[in-house]
Each structure stands twice: as structure tokens, then as C-alpha cells.
PDB file of all heavy atoms in Angstrom:
ATOM      1  N   THR A   1     121.244  91.346 105.394  1.00  0.00           N
ATOM      2  CA  THR A   1     120.161  92.227 105.812  1.00  0.00           C
ATOM      3  C   THR A   1     118.881  91.816 105.090  1.00  0.00           C
ATOM      4  O   THR A   1     118.923  91.382 103.944  1.00  0.00           O
ATOM      5  CB  THR A   1     120.473  93.699 105.520  1.00  0.00           C
ATOM      6  OG1 THR A   1     120.674  93.879 104.113  1.00  0.00           O
ATOM      7  CG2 THR A   1     121.736  94.131 106.251  1.00  0.00           C
ATOM      8  N   PRO A   2     117.731  91.949 105.748  1.00  0.00           N
ATOM      9  CA  PRO A   2     116.476  91.480 105.145  1.00  0.00           C
ATOM     10  C   PRO A   2     116.106  92.275 103.894  1.00  0.00           C
ATOM     11  O   PRO A   2     116.504  93.435 103.721  1.00  0.00           O
ATOM     12  CB  PRO A   2     115.445  91.705 106.258  1.00  0.00           C
ATOM     13  CG  PRO A   2     116.236  91.840 107.513  1.00  0.00           C
ATOM     14  CD  PRO A   2     117.543  92.447 107.122  1.00  0.00           C
ATOM     15  N   VAL A   3     115.326  91.637 103.047  1.00  0.00           N
ATOM     16  CA  VAL A   3     114.718  92.320 101.910  1.00  0.00           C
ATOM     17  C   VAL A   3     113.470  93.027 102.420  1.00  0.00           C
ATOM     18  O   VAL A   3     112.560  92.384 102.960  1.00  0.00           O
ATOM     19  CB  VAL A   3     114.337  91.323 100.795  1.00  0.00           C
ATOM     20  CG1 VAL A   3     113.687  92.059  99.630  1.00  0.00           C
ATOM     21  CG2 VAL A   3     115.564  90.550 100.326  1.00  0.00           C
ATOM     22  N   ASP A   4     113.428  94.341 102.288  1.00  0.00           N
ATOM     23  CA  ASP A   4     112.327  95.128 102.848  1.00  0.00           C
ATOM     24  C   ASP A   4     111.144  95.107 101.882  1.00  0.00           C
ATOM     25  O   ASP A   4     110.902  96.054 101.129  1.00  0.00           O
ATOM     26  CB  ASP A   4     112.780  96.563 103.119  1.00  0.00           C
ATOM     27  CG  ASP A   4     111.827  97.295 104.052  1.00  0.00           C
ATOM     28  OD1 ASP A   4     110.716  96.775 104.286  1.00  0.00           O
ATOM     29  OD2 ASP A   4     112.182  98.381 104.547  1.00  0.00           O
ATOM     30  N   VAL A   5     110.412  94.009 101.920  1.00  0.00           N
ATOM     31  CA  VAL A   5     109.310  93.806 100.978  1.00  0.00           C
ATOM     32  C   VAL A   5     108.249  94.888 101.121  1.00  0.00           C
ATOM     33  O   VAL A   5     107.695  95.377 100.120  1.00  0.00           O
ATOM     34  CB  VAL A   5     108.677  92.414 101.202  1.00  0.00           C
ATOM     35  CG1 VAL A   5     107.423  92.260 100.348  1.00  0.00           C
ATOM     36  CG2 VAL A   5     109.677  91.320 100.869  1.00  0.00           C
ATOM     37  N   LEU A   6     107.942  95.293 102.343  1.00  0.00           N
ATOM     38  CA  LEU A   6     106.857  96.244 102.561  1.00  0.00           C
ATOM     39  C   LEU A   6     107.193  97.640 102.050  1.00  0.00           C
ATOM     40  O   LEU A   6     106.311  98.497 101.950  1.00  0.00           O
ATOM     41  CB  LEU A   6     106.491  96.296 104.045  1.00  0.00           C
ATOM     42  CG  LEU A   6     105.938  94.989 104.615  1.00  0.00           C
ATOM     43  CD1 LEU A   6     105.580  95.150 106.085  1.00  0.00           C
ATOM     44  CD2 LEU A   6     104.724  94.527 103.829  1.00  0.00           C
ATOM     45  N   GLU A   7     108.445  97.874 101.721  1.00  0.00           N
ATOM     46  CA  GLU A   7     108.833  99.133 101.088  1.00  0.00           C
ATOM     47  C   GLU A   7     109.110  98.932  99.608  1.00  0.00           C
ATOM     48  O   GLU A   7     109.726  99.784  98.960  1.00  0.00           O
ATOM     49  CB  GLU A   7     110.065  99.716 101.790  1.00  0.00           C
ATOM     50  CG  GLU A   7     109.824 100.165 103.220  1.00  0.00           C
ATOM     51  CD  GLU A   7     108.798 101.284 103.319  1.00  0.00           C
ATOM     52  OE1 GLU A   7     108.748 102.129 102.399  1.00  0.00           O
ATOM     53  OE2 GLU A   7     108.046 101.308 104.307  1.00  0.00           O
ATOM     54  N   GLY A   8     108.680  97.801  99.074  1.00  0.00           N
ATOM     55  CA  GLY A   8     108.848  97.549  97.650  1.00  0.00           C
ATOM     56  C   GLY A   8     110.150  96.889  97.272  1.00  0.00           C
ATOM     57  O   GLY A   8     110.424  96.689  96.087  1.00  0.00           O
ATOM     58  N   ALA A   9     110.989  96.569  98.281  1.00  0.00           N
ATOM     59  CA  ALA A   9     112.287  95.914  98.039  1.00  0.00           C
ATOM     60  C   ALA A   9     113.155  96.727  97.088  1.00  0.00           C
ATOM     61  O   ALA A   9     113.890  96.186  96.268  1.00  0.00           O
ATOM     62  CB  ALA A   9     112.067  94.498  97.497  1.00  0.00           C
ATOM     63  N   ASP A  10     113.082  98.062  97.213  1.00  0.00           N
ATOM     64  CA  ASP A  10     113.823  98.927  96.287  1.00  0.00           C
ATOM     65  C   ASP A  10     115.324  98.721  96.355  1.00  0.00           C
ATOM     66  O   ASP A  10     116.035  98.946  95.378  1.00  0.00           O
ATOM     67  CB  ASP A  10     113.510 100.400  96.583  1.00  0.00           C
ATOM     68  CG  ASP A  10     112.081 100.772  96.219  1.00  0.00           C
ATOM     69  OD1 ASP A  10     111.493 100.043  95.400  1.00  0.00           O
ATOM     70  OD2 ASP A  10     111.569 101.779  96.743  1.00  0.00           O
ATOM     71  N   GLU A  11     115.807  98.272  97.521  1.00  0.00           N
ATOM     72  CA  GLU A  11     117.262  98.171  97.692  1.00  0.00           C
ATOM     73  C   GLU A  11     117.867  97.036  96.878  1.00  0.00           C
ATOM     74  O   GLU A  11     119.081  97.028  96.638  1.00  0.00           O
ATOM     75  CB  GLU A  11     117.616  98.008  99.183  1.00  0.00           C
ATOM     76  CG  GLU A  11     117.306  96.634  99.782  1.00  0.00           C
ATOM     77  CD  GLU A  11     115.857  96.451 100.187  1.00  0.00           C
ATOM     78  OE1 GLU A  11     115.020  97.314  99.839  1.00  0.00           O
ATOM     79  OE2 GLU A  11     115.564  95.448 100.849  1.00  0.00           O
ATOM     80  N   VAL A  12     117.051  96.092  96.437  1.00  0.00           N
ATOM     81  CA  VAL A  12     117.584  94.965  95.675  1.00  0.00           C
ATOM     82  C   VAL A  12     116.898  94.790  94.320  1.00  0.00           C
ATOM     83  O   VAL A  12     117.335  93.997  93.502  1.00  0.00           O
ATOM     84  CB  VAL A  12     117.476  93.636  96.463  1.00  0.00           C
ATOM     85  CG1 VAL A  12     118.292  93.709  97.748  1.00  0.00           C
ATOM     86  CG2 VAL A  12     116.024  93.297  96.783  1.00  0.00           C
ATOM     87  N   ARG A  13     115.843  95.525  94.087  1.00  0.00           N
ATOM     88  CA  ARG A  13     115.112  95.398  92.823  1.00  0.00           C
ATOM     89  C   ARG A  13     115.859  96.116  91.711  1.00  0.00           C
ATOM     90  O   ARG A  13     116.417  97.199  91.912  1.00  0.00           O
ATOM     91  CB  ARG A  13     113.724  96.018  92.982  1.00  0.00           C
ATOM     92  CG  ARG A  13     112.787  95.804  91.804  1.00  0.00           C
ATOM     93  CD  ARG A  13     111.490  96.566  92.000  1.00  0.00           C
ATOM     94  NE  ARG A  13     111.707  98.000  91.943  1.00  0.00           N
ATOM     95  CZ  ARG A  13     110.811  98.908  92.282  1.00  0.00           C
ATOM     96  NH1 ARG A  13     109.640  98.530  92.731  1.00  0.00           N
ATOM     97  NH2 ARG A  13     111.090 100.187  92.195  1.00  0.00           N
ATOM     98  N   ASP A  14     115.874  95.514  90.546  1.00  0.00           N
ATOM     99  CA  ASP A  14     116.468  96.183  89.396  1.00  0.00           C
ATOM    100  C   ASP A  14     115.729  97.486  89.127  1.00  0.00           C
ATOM    101  O   ASP A  14     114.513  97.584  89.300  1.00  0.00           O
ATOM    102  CB  ASP A  14     116.377  95.297  88.142  1.00  0.00           C
ATOM    103  CG  ASP A  14     117.354  94.137  88.192  1.00  0.00           C
ATOM    104  OD1 ASP A  14     118.307  94.204  88.988  1.00  0.00           O
ATOM    105  OD2 ASP A  14     117.159  93.168  87.444  1.00  0.00           O
ATOM    106  N   ASP A  15     116.497  98.503  88.683  1.00  0.00           N
ATOM    107  CA  ASP A  15     115.868  99.771  88.327  1.00  0.00           C
ATOM    108  C   ASP A  15     114.875  99.549  87.198  1.00  0.00           C
ATOM    109  O   ASP A  15     115.155  98.838  86.226  1.00  0.00           O
ATOM    110  CB  ASP A  15     116.924 100.789  87.883  1.00  0.00           C
ATOM    111  CG  ASP A  15     117.773 101.271  89.045  1.00  0.00           C
ATOM    112  OD1 ASP A  15     117.301 101.195  90.186  1.00  0.00           O
ATOM    113  OD2 ASP A  15     118.911 101.729  88.800  1.00  0.00           O
ATOM    114  N   ILE A  16     113.722 100.141  87.336  1.00  0.00           N
ATOM    115  CA  ILE A  16     112.695 100.005  86.313  1.00  0.00           C
ATOM    116  C   ILE A  16     111.978 101.346  86.202  1.00  0.00           C
ATOM    117  O   ILE A  16     111.724 102.010  87.204  1.00  0.00           O
ATOM    118  CB  ILE A  16     111.716  98.856  86.662  1.00  0.00           C
ATOM    119  CG1 ILE A  16     110.767  98.593  85.506  1.00  0.00           C
ATOM    120  CG2 ILE A  16     110.973  99.118  87.943  1.00  0.00           C
ATOM    121  CD1 ILE A  16     110.014  97.280  85.640  1.00  0.00           C
ATOM    122  N   ASP A  17     111.707 101.766  84.987  1.00  0.00           N
ATOM    123  CA  ASP A  17     111.097 103.070  84.779  1.00  0.00           C
ATOM    124  C   ASP A  17     109.697 103.109  85.381  1.00  0.00           C
ATOM    125  O   ASP A  17     108.963 102.114  85.375  1.00  0.00           O
ATOM    126  CB  ASP A  17     111.005 103.388  83.286  1.00  0.00           C
ATOM    127  CG  ASP A  17     112.380 103.579  82.656  1.00  0.00           C
ATOM    128  OD1 ASP A  17     113.318 103.924  83.398  1.00  0.00           O
ATOM    129  OD2 ASP A  17     112.501 103.389  81.433  1.00  0.00           O
ATOM    130  N   ASP A  18     109.321 104.283  85.897  1.00  0.00           N
ATOM    131  CA  ASP A  18     107.967 104.457  86.394  1.00  0.00           C
ATOM    132  C   ASP A  18     106.984 104.330  85.237  1.00  0.00           C
ATOM    133  O   ASP A  18     107.210 104.888  84.156  1.00  0.00           O
ATOM    134  CB  ASP A  18     107.794 105.826  87.055  1.00  0.00           C
ATOM    135  CG  ASP A  18     108.570 105.937  88.357  1.00  0.00           C
ATOM    136  OD1 ASP A  18     108.813 104.892  88.980  1.00  0.00           O
ATOM    137  OD2 ASP A  18     108.929 107.071  88.743  1.00  0.00           O
ATOM    138  N   PRO A  19     105.888 103.596  85.435  1.00  0.00           N
ATOM    139  CA  PRO A  19     104.937 103.410  84.334  1.00  0.00           C
ATOM    140  C   PRO A  19     104.156 104.682  84.036  1.00  0.00           C
ATOM    141  O   PRO A  19     103.800 105.440  84.940  1.00  0.00           O
ATOM    142  CB  PRO A  19     104.004 102.309  84.862  1.00  0.00           C
ATOM    143  CG  PRO A  19     104.081 102.435  86.345  1.00  0.00           C
ATOM    144  CD  PRO A  19     105.489 102.888  86.654  1.00  0.00           C
ATOM    145  N   ASP A  20     103.925 104.938  82.763  1.00  0.00           N
ATOM    146  CA  ASP A  20     103.113 106.077  82.362  1.00  0.00           C
ATOM    147  C   ASP A  20     101.650 105.813  82.679  1.00  0.00           C
ATOM    148  O   ASP A  20     101.187 104.673  82.667  1.00  0.00           O
ATOM    149  CB  ASP A  20     103.259 106.341  80.859  1.00  0.00           C
ATOM    150  CG  ASP A  20     104.677 106.751  80.478  1.00  0.00           C
ATOM    151  OD1 ASP A  20     105.363 107.367  81.331  1.00  0.00           O
ATOM    152  OD2 ASP A  20     105.090 106.460  79.341  1.00  0.00           O
ATOM    153  N   GLU A  21     100.923 106.888  82.963  1.00  0.00           N
ATOM    154  CA  GLU A  21      99.492 106.736  83.174  1.00  0.00           C
ATOM    155  C   GLU A  21      98.819 106.383  81.849  1.00  0.00           C
ATOM    156  O   GLU A  21      99.194 106.897  80.795  1.00  0.00           O
ATOM    157  CB  GLU A  21      98.882 108.023  83.735  1.00  0.00           C
ATOM    158  CG  GLU A  21      99.173 108.237  85.201  1.00  0.00           C
ATOM    159  CD  GLU A  21      98.274 109.297  85.818  1.00  0.00           C
ATOM    160  OE1 GLU A  21      97.522 109.964  85.055  1.00  0.00           O
ATOM    161  OE2 GLU A  21      98.314 109.470  87.038  1.00  0.00           O
ATOM    162  N   PRO A  22      97.809 105.522  81.895  1.00  0.00           N
ATOM    163  CA  PRO A  22      97.114 105.166  80.652  1.00  0.00           C
ATOM    164  C   PRO A  22      96.189 106.275  80.196  1.00  0.00           C
ATOM    165  O   PRO A  22      95.830 107.176  80.974  1.00  0.00           O
ATOM    166  CB  PRO A  22      96.318 103.926  81.065  1.00  0.00           C
ATOM    167  CG  PRO A  22      96.024 104.147  82.516  1.00  0.00           C
ATOM    168  CD  PRO A  22      97.248 104.840  83.074  1.00  0.00           C
ATOM    169  N   GLU A  23      95.803 106.211  78.947  1.00  0.00           N
ATOM    170  CA  GLU A  23      94.780 107.113  78.447  1.00  0.00           C
ATOM    171  C   GLU A  23      93.435 106.733  79.068  1.00  0.00           C
ATOM    172  O   GLU A  23      93.129 105.558  79.248  1.00  0.00           O
ATOM    173  CB  GLU A  23      94.685 107.016  76.928  1.00  0.00           C
ATOM    174  CG  GLU A  23      95.926 107.511  76.189  1.00  0.00           C
ATOM    175  CD  GLU A  23      96.112 109.009  76.313  1.00  0.00           C
ATOM    176  OE1 GLU A  23      95.083 109.717  76.461  1.00  0.00           O
ATOM    177  OE2 GLU A  23      97.263 109.472  76.274  1.00  0.00           O
ATOM    178  N   ALA A  24      92.650 107.740  79.404  1.00  0.00           N
ATOM    179  CA  ALA A  24      91.344 107.477  79.991  1.00  0.00           C
ATOM    180  C   ALA A  24      90.405 106.886  78.948  1.00  0.00           C
ATOM    181  O   ALA A  24      90.527 107.151  77.750  1.00  0.00           O
ATOM    182  CB  ALA A  24      90.756 108.761  80.557  1.00  0.00           C
ATOM    183  N   ASP A  25      89.464 106.077  79.420  1.00  0.00           N
ATOM    184  CA  ASP A  25      88.412 105.566  78.557  1.00  0.00           C
ATOM    185  C   ASP A  25      87.624 106.761  77.997  1.00  0.00           C
ATOM    186  O   ASP A  25      87.222 107.647  78.759  1.00  0.00           O
ATOM    187  CB  ASP A  25      87.487 104.669  79.384  1.00  0.00           C
ATOM    188  CG  ASP A  25      86.451 103.947  78.538  1.00  0.00           C
ATOM    189  OD1 ASP A  25      85.924 104.554  77.591  1.00  0.00           O
ATOM    190  OD2 ASP A  25      86.158 102.771  78.840  1.00  0.00           O
ATOM    191  N   PRO A  26      87.400 106.822  76.695  1.00  0.00           N
ATOM    192  CA  PRO A  26      86.640 107.955  76.127  1.00  0.00           C
ATOM    193  C   PRO A  26      85.287 108.160  76.800  1.00  0.00           C
ATOM    194  O   PRO A  26      84.810 109.295  76.902  1.00  0.00           O
ATOM    195  CB  PRO A  26      86.488 107.561  74.654  1.00  0.00           C
ATOM    196  CG  PRO A  26      87.650 106.669  74.372  1.00  0.00           C
ATOM    197  CD  PRO A  26      87.884 105.905  75.648  1.00  0.00           C
ATOM    198  N   ASP A  27      84.666 107.077  77.280  1.00  0.00           N
ATOM    199  CA  ASP A  27      83.368 107.204  77.948  1.00  0.00           C
ATOM    200  C   ASP A  27      83.478 107.952  79.267  1.00  0.00           C
ATOM    201  O   ASP A  27      82.468 108.451  79.789  1.00  0.00           O
ATOM    202  CB  ASP A  27      82.769 105.815  78.212  1.00  0.00           C
ATOM    203  CG  ASP A  27      82.331 105.121  76.931  1.00  0.00           C
ATOM    204  OD1 ASP A  27      82.180 105.819  75.904  1.00  0.00           O
ATOM    205  OD2 ASP A  27      82.163 103.887  76.961  1.00  0.00           O
ATOM    206  N   ASP A  28      84.683 108.031  79.811  1.00  0.00           N
ATOM    207  CA  ASP A  28      84.888 108.700  81.102  1.00  0.00           C
ATOM    208  C   ASP A  28      85.440 110.110  80.953  1.00  0.00           C
ATOM    209  O   ASP A  28      85.706 110.781  81.955  1.00  0.00           O
ATOM    210  CB  ASP A  28      85.844 107.879  81.973  1.00  0.00           C
ATOM    211  CG  ASP A  28      85.314 106.484  82.247  1.00  0.00           C
ATOM    212  OD1 ASP A  28      84.104 106.367  82.480  1.00  0.00           O
ATOM    213  OD2 ASP A  28      86.105 105.523  82.201  1.00  0.00           O
ATOM    214  N   ALA A  29      85.638 110.570  79.725  1.00  0.00           N
ATOM    215  CA  ALA A  29      86.272 111.871  79.498  1.00  0.00           C
ATOM    216  C   ALA A  29      85.487 113.002  80.161  1.00  0.00           C
ATOM    217  O   ALA A  29      86.067 113.909  80.775  1.00  0.00           O
ATOM    218  CB  ALA A  29      86.432 112.129  78.002  1.00  0.00           C
ATOM    219  N   HIS A  30      84.160 112.952  80.052  1.00  0.00           N
ATOM    220  CA  HIS A  30      83.346 114.025  80.632  1.00  0.00           C
ATOM    221  C   HIS A  30      83.491 114.052  82.148  1.00  0.00           C
ATOM    222  O   HIS A  30      83.664 115.124  82.751  1.00  0.00           O
ATOM    223  CB  HIS A  30      81.885 113.837  80.248  1.00  0.00           C
ATOM    224  CG  HIS A  30      80.975 114.874  80.847  1.00  0.00           C
ATOM    225  ND1 HIS A  30      80.906 116.172  80.376  1.00  0.00           N
ATOM    226  CD2 HIS A  30      80.120 114.814  81.907  1.00  0.00           C
ATOM    227  CE1 HIS A  30      80.045 116.861  81.100  1.00  0.00           C
ATOM    228  NE2 HIS A  30      79.551 116.060  82.036  1.00  0.00           N
ATOM    229  N   LEU A  31      83.439 112.883  82.778  1.00  0.00           N
ATOM    230  CA  LEU A  31      83.578 112.815  84.238  1.00  0.00           C
ATOM    231  C   LEU A  31      84.937 113.349  84.668  1.00  0.00           C
ATOM    232  O   LEU A  31      85.031 114.106  85.640  1.00  0.00           O
ATOM    233  CB  LEU A  31      83.400 111.373  84.713  1.00  0.00           C
ATOM    234  CG  LEU A  31      83.654 111.116  86.200  1.00  0.00           C
ATOM    235  CD1 LEU A  31      82.716 111.946  87.063  1.00  0.00           C
ATOM    236  CD2 LEU A  31      83.519 109.631  86.516  1.00  0.00           C
ATOM    237  N   ILE A  32      85.979 112.970  83.965  1.00  0.00           N
ATOM    238  CA  ILE A  32      87.320 113.450  84.308  1.00  0.00           C
ATOM    239  C   ILE A  32      87.394 114.966  84.175  1.00  0.00           C
ATOM    240  O   ILE A  32      87.998 115.659  85.017  1.00  0.00           O
ATOM    241  CB  ILE A  32      88.364 112.746  83.424  1.00  0.00           C
ATOM    242  CG1 ILE A  32      88.457 111.268  83.817  1.00  0.00           C
ATOM    243  CG2 ILE A  32      89.735 113.420  83.556  1.00  0.00           C
ATOM    244  CD1 ILE A  32      89.333 110.443  82.906  1.00  0.00           C
ATOM    245  N   THR A  33      86.759 115.509  83.140  1.00  0.00           N
ATOM    246  CA  THR A  33      86.732 116.960  82.962  1.00  0.00           C
ATOM    247  C   THR A  33      86.056 117.645  84.140  1.00  0.00           C
ATOM    248  O   THR A  33      86.554 118.655  84.666  1.00  0.00           O
ATOM    249  CB  THR A  33      85.997 117.321  81.659  1.00  0.00           C
ATOM    250  OG1 THR A  33      86.696 116.753  80.554  1.00  0.00           O
ATOM    251  CG2 THR A  33      85.924 118.834  81.477  1.00  0.00           C
ATOM    252  N   VAL A  34      84.925 117.095  84.585  1.00  0.00           N
ATOM    253  CA  VAL A  34      84.201 117.680  85.718  1.00  0.00           C
ATOM    254  C   VAL A  34      85.028 117.604  86.993  1.00  0.00           C
ATOM    255  O   VAL A  34      85.155 118.592  87.732  1.00  0.00           O
ATOM    256  CB  VAL A  34      82.845 116.957  85.910  1.00  0.00           C
ATOM    257  CG1 VAL A  34      82.186 117.406  87.219  1.00  0.00           C
ATOM    258  CG2 VAL A  34      81.936 117.216  84.734  1.00  0.00           C
ATOM    259  N   LEU A  35      85.614 116.448  87.272  1.00  0.00           N
ATOM    260  CA  LEU A  35      86.414 116.300  88.489  1.00  0.00           C
ATOM    261  C   LEU A  35      87.633 117.219  88.472  1.00  0.00           C
ATOM    262  O   LEU A  35      88.010 117.791  89.498  1.00  0.00           O
ATOM    263  CB  LEU A  35      86.854 114.844  88.647  1.00  0.00           C
ATOM    264  CG  LEU A  35      85.742 113.840  88.984  1.00  0.00           C
ATOM    265  CD1 LEU A  35      86.284 112.413  88.937  1.00  0.00           C
ATOM    266  CD2 LEU A  35      85.139 114.131  90.349  1.00  0.00           C
ATOM    267  N   THR A  36      88.246 117.365  87.318  1.00  0.00           N
ATOM    268  CA  THR A  36      89.393 118.265  87.200  1.00  0.00           C
ATOM    269  C   THR A  36      88.958 119.702  87.438  1.00  0.00           C
ATOM    270  O   THR A  36      89.657 120.476  88.107  1.00  0.00           O
ATOM    271  CB  THR A  36      90.038 118.121  85.811  1.00  0.00           C
ATOM    272  OG1 THR A  36      90.420 116.762  85.608  1.00  0.00           O
ATOM    273  CG2 THR A  36      91.261 119.015  85.685  1.00  0.00           C
ATOM    274  N   ARG A  37      87.796 120.076  86.914  1.00  0.00           N
ATOM    275  CA  ARG A  37      87.287 121.445  87.078  1.00  0.00           C
ATOM    276  C   ARG A  37      87.074 121.800  88.545  1.00  0.00           C
ATOM    277  O   ARG A  37      87.347 122.930  88.959  1.00  0.00           O
ATOM    278  CB  ARG A  37      85.977 121.608  86.299  1.00  0.00           C
ATOM    279  CG  ARG A  37      85.269 122.936  86.549  1.00  0.00           C
ATOM    280  CD  ARG A  37      84.020 123.069  85.701  1.00  0.00           C
ATOM    281  NE  ARG A  37      83.030 122.042  85.977  1.00  0.00           N
ATOM    282  CZ  ARG A  37      82.213 122.045  87.038  1.00  0.00           C
ATOM    283  NH1 ARG A  37      82.289 123.024  87.938  1.00  0.00           N
ATOM    284  NH2 ARG A  37      81.330 121.079  87.204  1.00  0.00           N
ATOM    285  N   VAL A  38      86.598 120.846  89.342  1.00  0.00           N
ATOM    286  CA  VAL A  38      86.313 121.167  90.743  1.00  0.00           C
ATOM    287  C   VAL A  38      87.544 120.977  91.637  1.00  0.00           C
ATOM    288  O   VAL A  38      87.442 121.137  92.860  1.00  0.00           O
ATOM    289  CB  VAL A  38      85.128 120.338  91.282  1.00  0.00           C
ATOM    290  CG1 VAL A  38      83.880 120.616  90.471  1.00  0.00           C
ATOM    291  CG2 VAL A  38      85.441 118.847  91.311  1.00  0.00           C
ATOM    292  N   GLY A  39      88.680 120.620  91.057  1.00  0.00           N
ATOM    293  CA  GLY A  39      89.910 120.633  91.846  1.00  0.00           C
ATOM    294  C   GLY A  39      90.548 119.293  92.129  1.00  0.00           C
ATOM    295  O   GLY A  39      91.422 119.193  92.993  1.00  0.00           O
ATOM    296  N   PHE A  40      90.141 118.245  91.406  1.00  0.00           N
ATOM    297  CA  PHE A  40      90.747 116.936  91.608  1.00  0.00           C
ATOM    298  C   PHE A  40      91.755 116.629  90.502  1.00  0.00           C
ATOM    299  O   PHE A  40      91.566 117.024  89.347  1.00  0.00           O
ATOM    300  CB  PHE A  40      89.685 115.830  91.618  1.00  0.00           C
ATOM    301  CG  PHE A  40      88.908 115.748  92.896  1.00  0.00           C
ATOM    302  CD1 PHE A  40      87.710 116.441  93.042  1.00  0.00           C
ATOM    303  CD2 PHE A  40      89.374 114.992  93.965  1.00  0.00           C
ATOM    304  CE1 PHE A  40      86.992 116.375  94.222  1.00  0.00           C
ATOM    305  CE2 PHE A  40      88.661 114.915  95.137  1.00  0.00           C
ATOM    306  CZ  PHE A  40      87.468 115.609  95.273  1.00  0.00           C
TER     307      PHE A  40
END
């Protein structure tokens, strides 16, 4: 059966943990606060 590349080939790829989100750049902290406040 084909390797379903367009779906990430999950059926044959070794299990790998989901990557954690990185810490935001301190220069962007204010923008992130504003966007979070308005619902993003």
C-alpha cells in the first residue's frame, strides 16, 4: 500500500512526541498580550 505522504505518512513514521511551542520573543510579548485580550 502507498505511503500517504500528504497525510504526513503517519502509518509508517516512527512515533515522535509533538513539539512544544517555543517561548515568544520578549519584544513581542506586548503584541501577544493584546491579541490574546481581543480573543486570539
